[in-house]
Amino acid sequence: MILQIVILAMIAAFLGLRLYSVLGRRAEHEEDVEPQRFDANDNALQPTAPATSTAPVATPRAVELEGVMPAVERGVREIGGADRNFDLTGFMEGARGAYEMVLEAFWTGDRETLSDLCDDDVYEGFCAAIDAREEAGHVVENKLIRVEETRIHSASLDRNMARIAILFVADIASVTRDKEGALVAGSLDDAIESRDVWTFSRNVSASDPNWVLDETDEG
């Protein structure tokens, strides 16, 4: 997957986006919570109440769970029960922003941003690909045409570790040039469909509210 990404790059649509609010924030009418990495919107999903609570169980928004398997919906509910601040709508919006930022950081060689957004294994994989690209003297010039689809692929809670995999289907125009600027591969006139499944994880018992990218795969 990482080798495939080497020839795909983009100029991110949201260069100013910073991942400092939650992959899951409660709706405006509820109490304020600590800002987290990804943004949520005003129609946030109300998290599922813990088993010991008498609060009503919320129904995940159909727009995010439409057509998913029962196991996926069950996983989302379990995560909401363990993390009272989890918001599915905000998570989906933030995951898309993270997808764009990680790709931009990878393609521009921004190791610091990758370190902030990825776990150690994924970070090391990206860095190895960046090193190989730089050693070959290659530069990528890419453009994200559109993100066609963002959909939950799987969701699970293993003890305190929450993991949500998202399928991203995107059209990306890519160009690779050598150090003299000569074209090596690709064209900005022809977009290539990219299907990626990225898994984000978070320890719901930890004080750190941020999710990290802990796996990438082909969709």
N, C-alpha and C. Protein backbone atom coordinates (compact mmCIF):
# COMPACT_ATOMS: atom_id res chain seq x y z
N MET A 1 0.83 -1.21 0.00
CA MET A 1 0.00 0.00 0.00
C MET A 1 0.86 1.26 0.00
N ILE A 2 1.92 1.24 0.88
CA ILE A 2 2.77 2.43 0.99
C ILE A 2 3.52 2.68 -0.32
N LEU A 3 3.96 1.59 -0.97
CA LEU A 3 4.65 1.77 -2.24
C LEU A 3 3.71 2.34 -3.29
N GLN A 4 2.43 1.96 -3.22
CA GLN A 4 1.46 2.53 -4.16
C GLN A 4 1.30 4.01 -3.93
N ILE A 5 1.32 4.44 -2.67
CA ILE A 5 1.11 5.85 -2.34
C ILE A 5 2.25 6.71 -2.85
N VAL A 6 3.46 6.08 -3.00
CA VAL A 6 4.63 6.87 -3.40
C VAL A 6 4.37 7.63 -4.68
N ILE A 7 3.63 7.01 -5.62
CA ILE A 7 3.41 7.68 -6.90
C ILE A 7 2.14 8.51 -6.91
N LEU A 8 1.44 8.54 -5.78
CA LEU A 8 0.23 9.36 -5.68
C LEU A 8 0.47 10.48 -4.69
N ALA A 9 0.13 11.68 -5.03
CA ALA A 9 0.32 12.79 -4.13
C ALA A 9 -0.76 13.80 -4.36
N MET A 10 -0.77 14.87 -3.52
CA MET A 10 -1.80 15.87 -3.71
C MET A 10 -1.40 17.18 -3.10
N ILE A 11 -2.07 18.23 -3.58
CA ILE A 11 -2.03 19.52 -2.94
C ILE A 11 -3.29 19.58 -2.10
N ALA A 12 -3.17 19.51 -0.79
CA ALA A 12 -4.34 19.32 0.08
C ALA A 12 -5.32 20.47 -0.06
N ALA A 13 -6.62 20.13 -0.02
CA ALA A 13 -7.65 21.15 -0.13
C ALA A 13 -7.80 21.94 1.15
N PHE A 14 -7.27 21.42 2.21
CA PHE A 14 -7.45 22.09 3.49
C PHE A 14 -6.10 22.32 4.16
N LEU A 15 -5.25 23.17 3.54
CA LEU A 15 -3.91 23.40 4.07
C LEU A 15 -3.95 24.01 5.46
N GLY A 16 -5.01 24.79 5.74
CA GLY A 16 -5.07 25.46 7.04
C GLY A 16 -5.70 24.64 8.13
N LEU A 17 -6.18 23.42 7.77
CA LEU A 17 -6.88 22.60 8.77
C LEU A 17 -5.92 22.12 9.83
N ARG A 18 -6.26 22.25 11.07
CA ARG A 18 -5.45 21.73 12.18
C ARG A 18 -6.29 20.73 12.93
N LEU A 19 -5.70 19.61 13.29
CA LEU A 19 -6.47 18.55 13.93
C LEU A 19 -6.43 18.72 15.45
N TYR A 20 -7.20 19.71 15.98
CA TYR A 20 -7.17 19.96 17.41
C TYR A 20 -8.53 19.79 18.08
N SER A 21 -9.57 19.34 17.32
CA SER A 21 -10.81 19.04 18.01
C SER A 21 -11.13 17.58 17.84
N VAL A 22 -12.21 17.13 18.48
CA VAL A 22 -12.35 15.72 18.78
C VAL A 22 -12.76 14.88 17.59
N LEU A 23 -12.25 13.63 17.56
CA LEU A 23 -12.86 12.58 16.77
C LEU A 23 -14.04 12.13 17.63
N GLY A 24 -14.95 13.00 17.86
CA GLY A 24 -16.09 12.68 18.70
C GLY A 24 -16.33 13.76 19.73
N ARG A 25 -17.16 14.77 19.41
CA ARG A 25 -17.50 15.81 20.38
C ARG A 25 -19.00 15.82 20.54
N ARG A 26 -19.48 16.16 21.71
CA ARG A 26 -20.91 16.14 21.96
C ARG A 26 -21.58 17.33 21.29
N ALA A 27 -22.89 17.23 21.12
CA ALA A 27 -23.64 18.30 20.48
C ALA A 27 -23.57 19.56 21.29
N GLU A 28 -23.85 20.71 20.63
CA GLU A 28 -23.68 22.01 21.27
C GLU A 28 -24.53 22.16 22.52
N HIS A 29 -25.68 21.50 22.57
CA HIS A 29 -26.54 21.71 23.71
C HIS A 29 -26.07 20.95 24.94
N GLU A 30 -25.03 20.09 24.79
CA GLU A 30 -24.50 19.39 25.94
C GLU A 30 -23.31 20.15 26.50
N GLU A 31 -22.75 19.62 27.60
CA GLU A 31 -21.64 20.29 28.26
C GLU A 31 -20.43 20.31 27.36
N ASP A 32 -19.57 21.33 27.52
CA ASP A 32 -18.35 21.43 26.75
C ASP A 32 -17.38 20.36 27.21
N VAL A 33 -16.57 19.88 26.28
CA VAL A 33 -15.55 18.90 26.62
C VAL A 33 -14.22 19.40 26.10
N GLU A 34 -13.17 18.72 26.50
CA GLU A 34 -11.82 19.13 26.10
C GLU A 34 -11.67 19.04 24.59
N PRO A 35 -11.16 20.10 23.93
CA PRO A 35 -10.96 20.04 22.47
C PRO A 35 -10.04 18.90 22.12
N GLN A 36 -10.34 18.23 21.01
CA GLN A 36 -9.55 17.11 20.58
C GLN A 36 -9.13 17.28 19.13
N ARG A 37 -8.59 16.22 18.52
CA ARG A 37 -7.87 16.41 17.28
C ARG A 37 -8.74 16.72 16.09
N PHE A 38 -9.90 16.06 15.95
CA PHE A 38 -10.68 16.25 14.74
C PHE A 38 -11.92 17.05 15.03
N ASP A 39 -12.40 17.78 14.02
CA ASP A 39 -13.58 18.61 14.15
C ASP A 39 -14.85 17.78 14.10
N ALA A 40 -15.88 18.25 14.82
CA ALA A 40 -17.21 17.69 14.72
C ALA A 40 -18.14 18.79 14.26
N ASN A 41 -19.35 18.42 13.81
CA ASN A 41 -20.28 19.46 13.43
C ASN A 41 -21.39 19.59 14.46
N ASP A 42 -22.35 20.48 14.21
CA ASP A 42 -23.36 20.77 15.20
C ASP A 42 -24.39 19.68 15.35
N ASN A 43 -24.43 18.72 14.43
CA ASN A 43 -25.39 17.63 14.49
C ASN A 43 -24.72 16.37 15.00
N ALA A 44 -23.91 16.51 16.04
CA ALA A 44 -23.09 15.41 16.53
C ALA A 44 -23.94 14.26 17.05
N LEU A 45 -23.42 13.04 16.86
CA LEU A 45 -24.05 11.86 17.39
C LEU A 45 -23.94 11.87 18.91
N GLN A 46 -25.02 11.60 19.59
CA GLN A 46 -24.97 11.45 21.04
C GLN A 46 -24.40 10.07 21.34
N PRO A 47 -23.35 9.99 22.17
CA PRO A 47 -22.70 8.71 22.41
C PRO A 47 -23.61 7.74 23.14
N THR A 48 -23.41 6.46 22.90
CA THR A 48 -24.14 5.43 23.61
C THR A 48 -23.76 5.49 25.08
N ALA A 49 -24.75 5.41 25.96
CA ALA A 49 -24.48 5.49 27.39
C ALA A 49 -23.81 4.22 27.87
N PRO A 50 -22.90 4.31 28.87
CA PRO A 50 -22.29 3.11 29.43
C PRO A 50 -23.35 2.21 30.02
N ALA A 51 -23.01 0.93 30.18
CA ALA A 51 -23.97 -0.05 30.67
C ALA A 51 -24.49 0.28 32.05
N THR A 52 -23.67 0.99 32.87
CA THR A 52 -24.08 1.32 34.22
C THR A 52 -24.94 2.56 34.28
N SER A 53 -25.14 3.22 33.13
CA SER A 53 -25.89 4.47 33.11
C SER A 53 -27.35 4.21 32.80
N THR A 54 -28.22 5.07 33.28
CA THR A 54 -29.64 4.98 32.98
C THR A 54 -30.02 5.88 31.81
N ALA A 55 -29.03 6.55 31.20
CA ALA A 55 -29.30 7.44 30.07
C ALA A 55 -29.75 6.63 28.87
N PRO A 56 -30.60 7.19 28.00
CA PRO A 56 -31.07 6.46 26.83
C PRO A 56 -29.96 6.20 25.84
N VAL A 57 -30.08 5.07 25.14
CA VAL A 57 -29.09 4.71 24.13
C VAL A 57 -29.39 5.48 22.86
N ALA A 58 -28.36 6.11 22.29
CA ALA A 58 -28.53 6.90 21.07
C ALA A 58 -28.45 6.00 19.85
N THR A 59 -29.09 6.41 18.79
CA THR A 59 -29.03 5.69 17.53
C THR A 59 -28.01 6.35 16.62
N PRO A 60 -26.99 5.59 16.12
CA PRO A 60 -26.02 6.18 15.21
C PRO A 60 -26.71 6.77 13.99
N ARG A 61 -26.17 7.86 13.48
CA ARG A 61 -26.78 8.51 12.32
C ARG A 61 -26.71 7.61 11.10
N ALA A 62 -27.83 7.50 10.39
CA ALA A 62 -27.93 6.59 9.26
C ALA A 62 -26.94 6.94 8.16
N VAL A 63 -26.60 8.23 8.02
CA VAL A 63 -25.72 8.63 6.93
C VAL A 63 -24.36 7.98 7.05
N GLU A 64 -23.87 7.74 8.28
CA GLU A 64 -22.58 7.09 8.46
C GLU A 64 -22.69 5.56 8.48
N LEU A 65 -23.84 5.01 8.92
CA LEU A 65 -23.96 3.57 9.10
C LEU A 65 -24.82 2.91 8.03
N GLU A 66 -25.25 3.67 7.04
CA GLU A 66 -26.10 3.12 6.00
C GLU A 66 -25.41 1.97 5.28
N GLY A 67 -26.04 0.82 5.28
CA GLY A 67 -25.54 -0.33 4.55
C GLY A 67 -24.41 -1.09 5.22
N VAL A 68 -24.04 -0.73 6.45
CA VAL A 68 -22.94 -1.43 7.10
C VAL A 68 -23.43 -2.72 7.72
N MET A 69 -22.50 -3.62 7.99
CA MET A 69 -22.83 -4.89 8.62
C MET A 69 -23.19 -4.68 10.09
N PRO A 70 -24.01 -5.58 10.65
CA PRO A 70 -24.37 -5.44 12.07
C PRO A 70 -23.16 -5.36 13.00
N ALA A 71 -22.08 -6.07 12.64
CA ALA A 71 -20.89 -6.05 13.49
C ALA A 71 -20.27 -4.66 13.55
N VAL A 72 -20.37 -3.91 12.45
CA VAL A 72 -19.83 -2.55 12.42
C VAL A 72 -20.65 -1.65 13.33
N GLU A 73 -21.96 -1.73 13.21
CA GLU A 73 -22.81 -0.91 14.07
C GLU A 73 -22.62 -1.27 15.54
N ARG A 74 -22.47 -2.56 15.82
CA ARG A 74 -22.23 -2.98 17.20
C ARG A 74 -20.92 -2.40 17.72
N GLY A 75 -19.88 -2.42 16.87
CA GLY A 75 -18.60 -1.86 17.28
C GLY A 75 -18.68 -0.38 17.58
N VAL A 76 -19.42 0.37 16.74
CA VAL A 76 -19.58 1.80 16.97
C VAL A 76 -20.30 2.05 18.29
N ARG A 77 -21.33 1.26 18.57
CA ARG A 77 -22.06 1.43 19.83
C ARG A 77 -21.18 1.12 21.04
N GLU A 78 -20.36 0.09 20.92
CA GLU A 78 -19.47 -0.27 22.02
C GLU A 78 -18.46 0.85 22.29
N ILE A 79 -17.94 1.44 21.23
CA ILE A 79 -16.99 2.55 21.40
C ILE A 79 -17.68 3.73 22.06
N GLY A 80 -18.91 4.04 21.60
CA GLY A 80 -19.66 5.12 22.22
C GLY A 80 -19.96 4.87 23.69
N GLY A 81 -20.18 3.59 24.04
CA GLY A 81 -20.43 3.26 25.43
C GLY A 81 -19.21 3.41 26.31
N ALA A 82 -18.03 3.18 25.73
CA ALA A 82 -16.79 3.27 26.50
C ALA A 82 -16.23 4.68 26.55
N ASP A 83 -16.56 5.49 25.54
CA ASP A 83 -16.05 6.86 25.44
C ASP A 83 -17.24 7.80 25.35
N ARG A 84 -17.58 8.44 26.43
CA ARG A 84 -18.78 9.28 26.50
C ARG A 84 -18.70 10.49 25.58
N ASN A 85 -17.51 10.85 25.13
CA ASN A 85 -17.35 12.01 24.24
C ASN A 85 -17.27 11.63 22.77
N PHE A 86 -17.40 10.35 22.46
CA PHE A 86 -17.28 9.93 21.07
C PHE A 86 -18.47 10.42 20.25
N ASP A 87 -18.18 10.94 19.08
CA ASP A 87 -19.19 11.45 18.16
C ASP A 87 -18.89 10.92 16.77
N LEU A 88 -19.75 10.07 16.24
CA LEU A 88 -19.50 9.43 14.97
C LEU A 88 -19.42 10.43 13.82
N THR A 89 -20.32 11.40 13.82
CA THR A 89 -20.33 12.39 12.75
C THR A 89 -19.02 13.17 12.72
N GLY A 90 -18.59 13.64 13.89
CA GLY A 90 -17.32 14.36 13.97
C GLY A 90 -16.14 13.48 13.61
N PHE A 91 -16.21 12.21 14.00
CA PHE A 91 -15.14 11.29 13.66
C PHE A 91 -14.98 11.16 12.15
N MET A 92 -16.10 11.00 11.45
CA MET A 92 -16.05 10.83 10.00
C MET A 92 -15.48 12.07 9.31
N GLU A 93 -15.89 13.24 9.77
CA GLU A 93 -15.37 14.48 9.20
C GLU A 93 -13.87 14.60 9.48
N GLY A 94 -13.48 14.27 10.70
CA GLY A 94 -12.07 14.37 11.06
C GLY A 94 -11.21 13.34 10.35
N ALA A 95 -11.76 12.13 10.14
CA ALA A 95 -11.00 11.10 9.45
C ALA A 95 -10.68 11.53 8.02
N ARG A 96 -11.65 12.18 7.37
CA ARG A 96 -11.40 12.67 6.02
C ARG A 96 -10.32 13.76 6.04
N GLY A 97 -10.38 14.65 7.02
CA GLY A 97 -9.34 15.67 7.13
C GLY A 97 -7.98 15.05 7.38
N ALA A 98 -7.95 14.02 8.22
CA ALA A 98 -6.69 13.35 8.50
C ALA A 98 -6.13 12.66 7.26
N TYR A 99 -7.02 12.06 6.48
CA TYR A 99 -6.61 11.41 5.23
C TYR A 99 -5.88 12.40 4.34
N GLU A 100 -6.45 13.58 4.19
CA GLU A 100 -5.84 14.61 3.33
C GLU A 100 -4.52 15.10 3.92
N MET A 101 -4.49 15.33 5.23
CA MET A 101 -3.28 15.87 5.85
C MET A 101 -2.13 14.88 5.86
N VAL A 102 -2.44 13.60 6.12
CA VAL A 102 -1.39 12.59 6.13
C VAL A 102 -0.80 12.42 4.74
N LEU A 103 -1.67 12.38 3.72
CA LEU A 103 -1.15 12.25 2.36
C LEU A 103 -0.28 13.45 1.99
N GLU A 104 -0.76 14.64 2.32
CA GLU A 104 0.04 15.83 2.01
C GLU A 104 1.39 15.77 2.71
N ALA A 105 1.37 15.40 3.99
CA ALA A 105 2.62 15.34 4.74
C ALA A 105 3.56 14.29 4.15
N PHE A 106 3.00 13.16 3.75
CA PHE A 106 3.84 12.11 3.15
C PHE A 106 4.46 12.57 1.85
N TRP A 107 3.65 13.17 1.02
CA TRP A 107 4.14 13.55 -0.30
C TRP A 107 5.07 14.75 -0.27
N THR A 108 5.00 15.58 0.76
CA THR A 108 5.91 16.71 0.89
C THR A 108 7.08 16.38 1.81
N GLY A 109 7.09 15.17 2.36
CA GLY A 109 8.18 14.77 3.25
C GLY A 109 8.13 15.41 4.62
N ASP A 110 6.94 15.77 5.08
CA ASP A 110 6.77 16.42 6.38
C ASP A 110 6.70 15.36 7.47
N ARG A 111 7.85 14.95 7.97
CA ARG A 111 7.93 13.89 8.96
C ARG A 111 7.32 14.30 10.31
N GLU A 112 7.41 15.56 10.65
CA GLU A 112 6.87 16.02 11.93
C GLU A 112 5.35 15.82 12.00
N THR A 113 4.67 16.22 10.93
CA THR A 113 3.21 16.04 10.90
C THR A 113 2.86 14.57 10.91
N LEU A 114 3.59 13.76 10.16
CA LEU A 114 3.33 12.32 10.16
C LEU A 114 3.51 11.73 11.55
N SER A 115 4.51 12.19 12.27
CA SER A 115 4.75 11.70 13.62
C SER A 115 3.58 12.02 14.55
N ASP A 116 2.96 13.18 14.35
CA ASP A 116 1.83 13.59 15.18
C ASP A 116 0.58 12.77 14.90
N LEU A 117 0.40 12.33 13.65
CA LEU A 117 -0.86 11.73 13.24
C LEU A 117 -0.83 10.21 13.12
N CYS A 118 0.36 9.61 13.16
CA CYS A 118 0.48 8.16 12.94
C CYS A 118 1.13 7.48 14.15
N ASP A 119 0.82 6.19 14.30
CA ASP A 119 1.53 5.44 15.32
C ASP A 119 2.93 5.10 14.81
N ASP A 120 3.74 4.48 15.64
CA ASP A 120 5.16 4.29 15.31
C ASP A 120 5.35 3.44 14.06
N ASP A 121 4.59 2.34 13.93
CA ASP A 121 4.80 1.46 12.78
C ASP A 121 4.45 2.15 11.46
N VAL A 122 3.31 2.83 11.42
CA VAL A 122 2.91 3.52 10.19
C VAL A 122 3.89 4.65 9.88
N TYR A 123 4.30 5.37 10.93
CA TYR A 123 5.25 6.47 10.73
C TYR A 123 6.55 5.96 10.12
N GLU A 124 7.06 4.86 10.65
CA GLU A 124 8.31 4.31 10.13
C GLU A 124 8.15 3.86 8.68
N GLY A 125 6.99 3.31 8.34
CA GLY A 125 6.76 2.91 6.95
C GLY A 125 6.75 4.09 6.01
N PHE A 126 6.06 5.17 6.41
CA PHE A 126 6.05 6.37 5.59
C PHE A 126 7.46 6.93 5.42
N CYS A 127 8.19 6.99 6.53
CA CYS A 127 9.55 7.56 6.47
C CYS A 127 10.46 6.74 5.57
N ALA A 128 10.31 5.41 5.61
CA ALA A 128 11.13 4.57 4.74
C ALA A 128 10.83 4.87 3.27
N ALA A 129 9.56 5.08 2.95
CA ALA A 129 9.19 5.39 1.57
C ALA A 129 9.70 6.78 1.17
N ILE A 130 9.64 7.72 2.10
CA ILE A 130 10.16 9.06 1.81
C ILE A 130 11.67 9.00 1.57
N ASP A 131 12.37 8.25 2.40
CA ASP A 131 13.82 8.11 2.25
C ASP A 131 14.17 7.52 0.88
N ALA A 132 13.41 6.48 0.47
CA ALA A 132 13.68 5.85 -0.82
C ALA A 132 13.42 6.81 -1.97
N ARG A 133 12.36 7.60 -1.83
CA ARG A 133 12.04 8.58 -2.87
C ARG A 133 13.12 9.65 -2.97
N GLU A 134 13.56 10.15 -1.82
CA GLU A 134 14.59 11.18 -1.82
C GLU A 134 15.92 10.65 -2.34
N GLU A 135 16.23 9.41 -1.99
CA GLU A 135 17.48 8.81 -2.46
C GLU A 135 17.48 8.67 -3.98
N ALA A 136 16.30 8.40 -4.54
CA ALA A 136 16.18 8.30 -6.00
C ALA A 136 16.13 9.66 -6.67
N GLY A 137 16.00 10.72 -5.87
CA GLY A 137 15.94 12.06 -6.43
C GLY A 137 14.59 12.39 -7.04
N HIS A 138 13.53 11.72 -6.60
CA HIS A 138 12.21 11.94 -7.16
C HIS A 138 11.41 12.95 -6.34
N VAL A 139 10.59 13.71 -7.05
CA VAL A 139 9.69 14.68 -6.43
C VAL A 139 8.28 14.42 -6.98
N VAL A 140 7.30 14.42 -6.11
CA VAL A 140 5.93 14.20 -6.56
C VAL A 140 5.17 15.51 -6.61
N GLU A 141 4.35 15.65 -7.63
CA GLU A 141 3.49 16.82 -7.80
C GLU A 141 2.09 16.29 -8.08
N ASN A 142 1.25 16.29 -7.07
CA ASN A 142 -0.05 15.65 -7.21
C ASN A 142 -1.20 16.59 -6.88
N LYS A 143 -2.38 16.18 -7.30
CA LYS A 143 -3.57 16.99 -7.05
C LYS A 143 -4.73 16.07 -6.71
N LEU A 144 -5.37 16.33 -5.57
CA LEU A 144 -6.56 15.60 -5.20
C LEU A 144 -7.74 16.18 -5.98
N ILE A 145 -8.33 15.38 -6.85
CA ILE A 145 -9.45 15.85 -7.64
C ILE A 145 -10.72 15.85 -6.81
N ARG A 146 -10.99 14.73 -6.16
CA ARG A 146 -12.17 14.64 -5.30
C ARG A 146 -12.07 13.39 -4.43
N VAL A 147 -12.75 13.43 -3.28
CA VAL A 147 -12.95 12.23 -2.47
C VAL A 147 -14.36 11.74 -2.79
N GLU A 148 -14.44 10.61 -3.46
CA GLU A 148 -15.73 10.09 -3.92
C GLU A 148 -16.55 9.49 -2.78
N GLU A 149 -15.86 8.84 -1.85
CA GLU A 149 -16.59 8.10 -0.82
C GLU A 149 -15.76 8.03 0.45
N THR A 150 -16.43 8.15 1.58
CA THR A 150 -15.82 7.94 2.89
C THR A 150 -16.80 7.10 3.69
N ARG A 151 -16.43 5.87 4.00
CA ARG A 151 -17.39 4.94 4.60
C ARG A 151 -16.72 4.08 5.65
N ILE A 152 -17.46 3.76 6.71
CA ILE A 152 -16.93 2.89 7.76
C ILE A 152 -16.75 1.49 7.20
N HIS A 153 -15.58 0.94 7.37
CA HIS A 153 -15.26 -0.41 6.90
C HIS A 153 -15.38 -1.41 8.04
N SER A 154 -14.93 -1.03 9.22
CA SER A 154 -15.05 -1.88 10.40
C SER A 154 -14.90 -1.02 11.66
N ALA A 155 -15.38 -1.54 12.77
CA ALA A 155 -15.27 -0.84 14.06
C ALA A 155 -15.24 -1.88 15.16
N SER A 156 -14.36 -1.69 16.13
CA SER A 156 -14.26 -2.67 17.20
C SER A 156 -13.71 -2.02 18.46
N LEU A 157 -14.01 -2.65 19.58
CA LEU A 157 -13.46 -2.24 20.87
C LEU A 157 -12.90 -3.49 21.54
N ASP A 158 -11.58 -3.53 21.71
CA ASP A 158 -10.91 -4.65 22.37
C ASP A 158 -10.36 -4.15 23.69
N ARG A 159 -11.08 -4.49 24.76
CA ARG A 159 -10.79 -3.92 26.08
C ARG A 159 -10.90 -2.40 25.99
N ASN A 160 -9.78 -1.69 26.10
CA ASN A 160 -9.85 -0.22 26.04
C ASN A 160 -9.42 0.35 24.69
N MET A 161 -9.05 -0.52 23.76
CA MET A 161 -8.54 -0.03 22.48
C MET A 161 -9.65 0.01 21.43
N ALA A 162 -10.01 1.21 21.04
CA ALA A 162 -11.01 1.40 19.99
C ALA A 162 -10.31 1.51 18.65
N ARG A 163 -10.86 0.84 17.63
CA ARG A 163 -10.28 0.90 16.29
C ARG A 163 -11.42 1.04 15.28
N ILE A 164 -11.30 2.02 14.40
CA ILE A 164 -12.28 2.25 13.35
C ILE A 164 -11.55 2.35 12.03
N ALA A 165 -11.93 1.49 11.08
CA ALA A 165 -11.32 1.51 9.75
C ALA A 165 -12.27 2.23 8.79
N ILE A 166 -11.72 3.12 7.98
CA ILE A 166 -12.50 3.91 7.04
C ILE A 166 -12.03 3.62 5.62
N LEU A 167 -12.99 3.37 4.72
CA LEU A 167 -12.68 3.23 3.31
C LEU A 167 -12.74 4.60 2.66
N PHE A 168 -11.65 4.99 2.03
CA PHE A 168 -11.58 6.23 1.26
C PHE A 168 -11.46 5.88 -0.22
N VAL A 169 -12.37 6.41 -1.02
CA VAL A 169 -12.27 6.27 -2.47
C VAL A 169 -12.06 7.67 -3.02
N ALA A 170 -10.91 7.88 -3.65
CA ALA A 170 -10.54 9.23 -4.11
C ALA A 170 -9.96 9.19 -5.51
N ASP A 171 -10.13 10.28 -6.23
CA ASP A 171 -9.50 10.46 -7.54
C ASP A 171 -8.31 11.40 -7.37
N ILE A 172 -7.12 10.92 -7.74
CA ILE A 172 -5.90 11.68 -7.54
C ILE A 172 -5.11 11.72 -8.84
N ALA A 173 -4.75 12.91 -9.26
CA ALA A 173 -3.85 13.08 -10.41
C ALA A 173 -2.43 13.15 -9.88
N SER A 174 -1.54 12.36 -10.43
CA SER A 174 -0.19 12.27 -9.87
C SER A 174 0.89 12.42 -10.94
N VAL A 175 1.97 13.05 -10.51
CA VAL A 175 3.15 13.21 -11.37
C VAL A 175 4.39 12.99 -10.51
N THR A 176 5.33 12.24 -11.05
CA THR A 176 6.63 12.05 -10.41
C THR A 176 7.71 12.58 -11.35
N ARG A 177 8.59 13.43 -10.82
CA ARG A 177 9.68 14.00 -11.61
C ARG A 177 11.02 13.65 -10.97
N ASP A 178 12.06 13.64 -11.78
CA ASP A 178 13.40 13.42 -11.24
C ASP A 178 13.98 14.75 -10.77
N LYS A 179 15.20 14.73 -10.27
CA LYS A 179 15.78 15.94 -9.69
C LYS A 179 16.04 17.03 -10.72
N GLU A 180 16.07 16.67 -11.99
CA GLU A 180 16.20 17.68 -13.05
C GLU A 180 14.84 18.20 -13.51
N GLY A 181 13.77 17.66 -12.97
CA GLY A 181 12.44 18.10 -13.34
C GLY A 181 11.82 17.33 -14.49
N ALA A 182 12.53 16.33 -14.99
CA ALA A 182 11.99 15.53 -16.10
C ALA A 182 10.91 14.59 -15.59
N LEU A 183 9.89 14.38 -16.40
CA LEU A 183 8.78 13.52 -16.03
C LEU A 183 9.23 12.07 -15.93
N VAL A 184 8.93 11.44 -14.81
CA VAL A 184 9.23 10.02 -14.61
C VAL A 184 7.97 9.18 -14.82
N ALA A 185 6.86 9.64 -14.25
CA ALA A 185 5.61 8.88 -14.37
C ALA A 185 4.44 9.80 -14.06
N GLY A 186 3.27 9.43 -14.59
CA GLY A 186 2.04 10.10 -14.21
C GLY A 186 1.67 11.27 -15.11
N SER A 187 0.50 11.86 -14.82
CA SER A 187 -0.01 13.00 -15.56
C SER A 187 -1.04 13.71 -14.71
N LEU A 188 -0.99 15.04 -14.69
CA LEU A 188 -1.99 15.80 -13.96
C LEU A 188 -3.31 15.87 -14.73
N ASP A 189 -3.32 15.40 -15.97
CA ASP A 189 -4.53 15.43 -16.77
C ASP A 189 -5.39 14.19 -16.58
N ASP A 190 -4.82 13.15 -16.01
CA ASP A 190 -5.54 11.89 -15.83
C ASP A 190 -5.53 11.48 -14.36
N ALA A 191 -6.73 11.44 -13.76
CA ALA A 191 -6.85 11.05 -12.36
C ALA A 191 -6.90 9.53 -12.23
N ILE A 192 -6.31 9.04 -11.16
CA ILE A 192 -6.31 7.61 -10.85
C ILE A 192 -7.18 7.40 -9.63
N GLU A 193 -8.06 6.39 -9.68
CA GLU A 193 -8.88 6.08 -8.51
C GLU A 193 -8.05 5.35 -7.47
N SER A 194 -8.07 5.85 -6.26
CA SER A 194 -7.36 5.24 -5.15
C SER A 194 -8.37 4.76 -4.13
N ARG A 195 -8.27 3.48 -3.73
CA ARG A 195 -9.16 2.90 -2.73
C ARG A 195 -8.29 2.45 -1.55
N ASP A 196 -8.42 3.16 -0.45
CA ASP A 196 -7.59 2.91 0.72
C ASP A 196 -8.46 2.66 1.95
N VAL A 197 -8.04 1.71 2.77
CA VAL A 197 -8.68 1.48 4.06
C VAL A 197 -7.68 1.86 5.14
N TRP A 198 -8.00 2.92 5.86
CA TRP A 198 -7.13 3.40 6.92
C TRP A 198 -7.81 3.16 8.26
N THR A 199 -7.04 2.63 9.20
CA THR A 199 -7.57 2.32 10.52
C THR A 199 -7.02 3.30 11.55
N PHE A 200 -7.93 3.93 12.29
CA PHE A 200 -7.57 4.86 13.35
C PHE A 200 -7.84 4.20 14.70
N SER A 201 -6.98 4.47 15.68
CA SER A 201 -7.15 3.83 16.98
C SER A 201 -6.96 4.83 18.11
N ARG A 202 -7.54 4.46 19.25
CA ARG A 202 -7.40 5.28 20.45
C ARG A 202 -7.68 4.43 21.67
N ASN A 203 -6.86 4.60 22.70
CA ASN A 203 -7.13 3.98 24.00
C ASN A 203 -8.16 4.85 24.72
N VAL A 204 -9.38 4.34 24.87
CA VAL A 204 -10.46 5.16 25.41
C VAL A 204 -10.30 5.44 26.89
N SER A 205 -9.38 4.74 27.56
CA SER A 205 -9.14 5.01 28.98
C SER A 205 -8.01 6.01 29.20
N ALA A 206 -7.33 6.40 28.12
CA ALA A 206 -6.21 7.32 28.24
C ALA A 206 -6.69 8.76 28.30
N SER A 207 -5.87 9.61 28.91
CA SER A 207 -6.21 11.03 29.00
C SER A 207 -6.04 11.74 27.66
N ASP A 208 -5.17 11.21 26.80
CA ASP A 208 -4.96 11.79 25.48
C ASP A 208 -6.21 11.54 24.63
N PRO A 209 -6.88 12.58 24.17
CA PRO A 209 -8.13 12.40 23.41
C PRO A 209 -7.92 12.11 21.93
N ASN A 210 -6.68 12.14 21.45
CA ASN A 210 -6.42 12.07 20.02
C ASN A 210 -6.36 10.63 19.50
N TRP A 211 -6.92 10.46 18.30
CA TRP A 211 -6.81 9.21 17.57
C TRP A 211 -5.59 9.27 16.66
N VAL A 212 -5.01 8.10 16.34
CA VAL A 212 -3.86 8.05 15.45
C VAL A 212 -4.12 7.01 14.36
N LEU A 213 -3.46 7.21 13.24
CA LEU A 213 -3.52 6.24 12.15
C LEU A 213 -2.60 5.08 12.49
N ASP A 214 -3.15 3.86 12.58
CA ASP A 214 -2.30 2.75 12.98
C ASP A 214 -2.22 1.63 11.93
N GLU A 215 -2.89 1.82 10.79
CA GLU A 215 -2.78 0.81 9.73
C GLU A 215 -3.29 1.39 8.42
N THR A 216 -2.64 1.04 7.32
CA THR A 216 -3.11 1.41 5.98
C THR A 216 -3.16 0.16 5.13
N ASP A 217 -4.16 0.10 4.27
CA ASP A 217 -4.30 -1.08 3.40
C ASP A 217 -5.06 -0.66 2.14
N GLU A 218 -5.06 -1.51 1.14
CA GLU A 218 -5.81 -1.27 -0.07
C GLU A 218 -7.27 -1.63 0.15
N GLY A 219 -8.17 -0.85 -0.44
CA GLY A 219 -9.59 -1.10 -0.29
C GLY A 219 -10.12 -2.08 -1.31
